[in-house]
Structure formats: structure tokens, C-alpha cells
Amino acid sequence: MPINIRKYLKKAYLFFDTLTIKYTIDPTTPNTVYAATFNGVFKSTDGCANWIALMPFAEMIAIDPVNQNILYAVGGGILKR
């Protein structure tokens, strides 16, 4: 079943009052969404209804294709895992 990305983006847009740079959806758990913003990296486990802060600003985020429990974040020339 394809993921309805528009549904997630609309909910995330309403939550964040800042520019969101990148969204990443967990391919094994579609209700888990990560957002990289100028205010930090956030995670939602309920389809973008609620968010928790994970770390400060990141320009790019990606979920490890082998282990979905690992999120890579890059910002200011630093890679965090």
C-alpha cells in the first residue's frame, strides 16, 4: 500500500512554524516520520500528530536502509548517528 505523503506533509506543516528542509518516512513503520527543520530534528510516531525533539539543526536526514533503528543526520559538516 503506497504512503500518502500529502497527508503527512499537511499535518507537519501545521505543526512547524519554521521551514522544514527534509522529511523521511520509516519504510517499515509508515506512521514514523522524521523532519529536519531549522529548529532541530523531530520524530513523530503517530503520523505527524505529535512530535518529539531529537537533536539540533540538521540539513539532511536519512534512515539506514538495513537497520531502520538508525537515523543519520548531517548538519554544519557533522554526521550524527
C-alpha atoms as a PDB file:
ATOM      1  CA  MET A   1       0.000   0.000   0.000  1.00  0.00           C
ATOM      2  CA  PRO A   2       1.535   3.368  -1.017  1.00  0.00           C
ATOM      3  CA  ILE A   3       2.215   6.013   1.627  1.00  0.00           C
ATOM      4  CA  ASN A   4       0.039   9.126   1.433  1.00  0.00           C
ATOM      5  CA  ILE A   5       2.832  11.684   1.699  1.00  0.00           C
ATOM      6  CA  ARG A   6       0.457  14.641   1.270  1.00  0.00           C
ATOM      7  CA  LYS A   7      -1.370  13.681   4.468  1.00  0.00           C
ATOM      8  CA  TYR A   8       1.901  13.727   6.412  1.00  0.00           C
ATOM      9  CA  LEU A   9       3.164  16.963   4.892  1.00  0.00           C
ATOM     10  CA  LYS A  10      -0.079  18.782   5.652  1.00  0.00           C
ATOM     11  CA  LYS A  11      -0.004  17.701   9.304  1.00  0.00           C
ATOM     12  CA  ALA A  12       3.700  18.513   9.654  1.00  0.00           C
ATOM     13  CA  TYR A  13       3.241  21.916   8.018  1.00  0.00           C
ATOM     14  CA  LEU A  14       0.572  22.797  10.573  1.00  0.00           C
ATOM     15  CA  PHE A  15       2.873  21.760  13.441  1.00  0.00           C
ATOM     16  CA  PHE A  16       6.098  23.524  12.486  1.00  0.00           C
ATOM     17  CA  ASP A  17       6.265  27.303  12.262  1.00  0.00           C
ATOM     18  CA  THR A  18       9.627  27.116  10.554  1.00  0.00           C
ATOM     19  CA  LEU A  19      10.965  25.949   7.233  1.00  0.00           C
ATOM     20  CA  THR A  20      11.218  22.186   7.055  1.00  0.00           C
ATOM     21  CA  ILE A  21      14.164  21.064   4.972  1.00  0.00           C
ATOM     22  CA  LYS A  22      13.649  17.310   4.748  1.00  0.00           C
ATOM     23  CA  TYR A  23      11.122  14.644   5.674  1.00  0.00           C
ATOM     24  CA  THR A  24      11.924  10.960   5.964  1.00  0.00           C
ATOM     25  CA  ILE A  25       9.311   8.249   6.483  1.00  0.00           C
ATOM     26  CA  ASP A  26      10.279   4.926   8.048  1.00  0.00           C
ATOM     27  CA  PRO A  27       9.611   2.347   5.300  1.00  0.00           C
ATOM     28  CA  THR A  28       8.723  -0.391   7.801  1.00  0.00           C
ATOM     29  CA  THR A  29       6.558   1.800  10.067  1.00  0.00           C
ATOM     30  CA  PRO A  30       4.859   4.458   7.899  1.00  0.00           C
ATOM     31  CA  ASN A  31       3.432   6.343  10.894  1.00  0.00           C
ATOM     32  CA  THR A  32       7.007   7.136  11.987  1.00  0.00           C
ATOM     33  CA  VAL A  33       8.157  10.325  10.298  1.00  0.00           C
ATOM     34  CA  TYR A  34      11.320  12.373  10.825  1.00  0.00           C
ATOM     35  CA  ALA A  35      11.579  16.079   9.998  1.00  0.00           C
ATOM     36  CA  ALA A  36      14.730  18.186   9.729  1.00  0.00           C
ATOM     37  CA  THR A  37      14.000  21.856  10.396  1.00  0.00           C
ATOM     38  CA  PHE A  38      15.967  24.973  11.282  1.00  0.00           C
ATOM     39  CA  ASN A  39      14.788  24.402  14.872  1.00  0.00           C
ATOM     40  CA  GLY A  40      16.027  20.799  15.071  1.00  0.00           C
ATOM     41  CA  VAL A  41      15.331  17.220  14.070  1.00  0.00           C
ATOM     42  CA  PHE A  42      11.979  15.855  15.194  1.00  0.00           C
ATOM     43  CA  LYS A  43      10.305  12.450  15.247  1.00  0.00           C
ATOM     44  CA  SER A  44       6.623  11.543  15.091  1.00  0.00           C
ATOM     45  CA  THR A  45       5.367   8.017  15.719  1.00  0.00           C
ATOM     46  CA  ASP A  46       1.698   8.800  15.203  1.00  0.00           C
ATOM     47  CA  GLY A  47       1.535  10.058  11.623  1.00  0.00           C
ATOM     48  CA  CYS A  48       2.630  13.652  12.384  1.00  0.00           C
ATOM     49  CA  ALA A  49       0.058  14.355  15.093  1.00  0.00           C
ATOM     50  CA  ASN A  50       2.741  14.783  17.798  1.00  0.00           C
ATOM     51  CA  TRP A  51       6.478  15.408  17.623  1.00  0.00           C
ATOM     52  CA  ILE A  52       9.478  14.993  19.922  1.00  0.00           C
ATOM     53  CA  ALA A  53      12.784  16.814  19.501  1.00  0.00           C
ATOM     54  CA  LEU A  54      15.789  14.570  18.820  1.00  0.00           C
ATOM     55  CA  MET A  55      18.670  16.949  18.181  1.00  0.00           C
ATOM     56  CA  PRO A  56      19.562  20.474  16.988  1.00  0.00           C
ATOM     57  CA  PHE A  57      19.511  21.588  13.366  1.00  0.00           C
ATOM     58  CA  ALA A  58      20.341  19.171  10.563  1.00  0.00           C
ATOM     59  CA  GLU A  59      20.406  19.800   6.828  1.00  0.00           C
ATOM     60  CA  MET A  60      19.831  16.208   5.783  1.00  0.00           C
ATOM     61  CA  ILE A  61      18.393  13.101   7.415  1.00  0.00           C
ATOM     62  CA  ALA A  62      18.173   9.511   6.223  1.00  0.00           C
ATOM     63  CA  ILE A  63      17.097   6.194   7.677  1.00  0.00           C
ATOM     64  CA  ASP A  64      19.638   3.378   7.408  1.00  0.00           C
ATOM     65  CA  PRO A  65      18.313   1.021   4.684  1.00  0.00           C
ATOM     66  CA  VAL A  66      19.473  -2.081   6.578  1.00  0.00           C
ATOM     67  CA  ASN A  67      18.633  -1.078  10.162  1.00  0.00           C
ATOM     68  CA  GLN A  68      15.633   1.270  10.426  1.00  0.00           C
ATOM     69  CA  ASN A  69      16.537   1.988  14.067  1.00  0.00           C
ATOM     70  CA  ILE A  70      19.449   4.138  12.852  1.00  0.00           C
ATOM     71  CA  LEU A  71      18.816   7.697  11.672  1.00  0.00           C
ATOM     72  CA  TYR A  72      21.674   9.603  10.061  1.00  0.00           C
ATOM     73  CA  ALA A  73      21.649  13.389  10.384  1.00  0.00           C
ATOM     74  CA  VAL A  74      24.092  15.857   8.821  1.00  0.00           C
ATOM     75  CA  GLY A  75      24.365  19.500   9.785  1.00  0.00           C
ATOM     76  CA  GLY A  76      27.181  22.007   9.854  1.00  0.00           C
ATOM     77  CA  GLY A  77      29.589  19.448   8.415  1.00  0.00           C
ATOM     78  CA  ILE A  78      28.927  16.937  11.220  1.00  0.00           C
ATOM     79  CA  LEU A  79      27.416  13.477  10.746  1.00  0.00           C
ATOM     80  CA  LYS A  80      25.499  12.054  13.709  1.00  0.00           C
ATOM     81  CA  ARG A  81      24.116   8.573  14.042  1.00  0.00           C
END
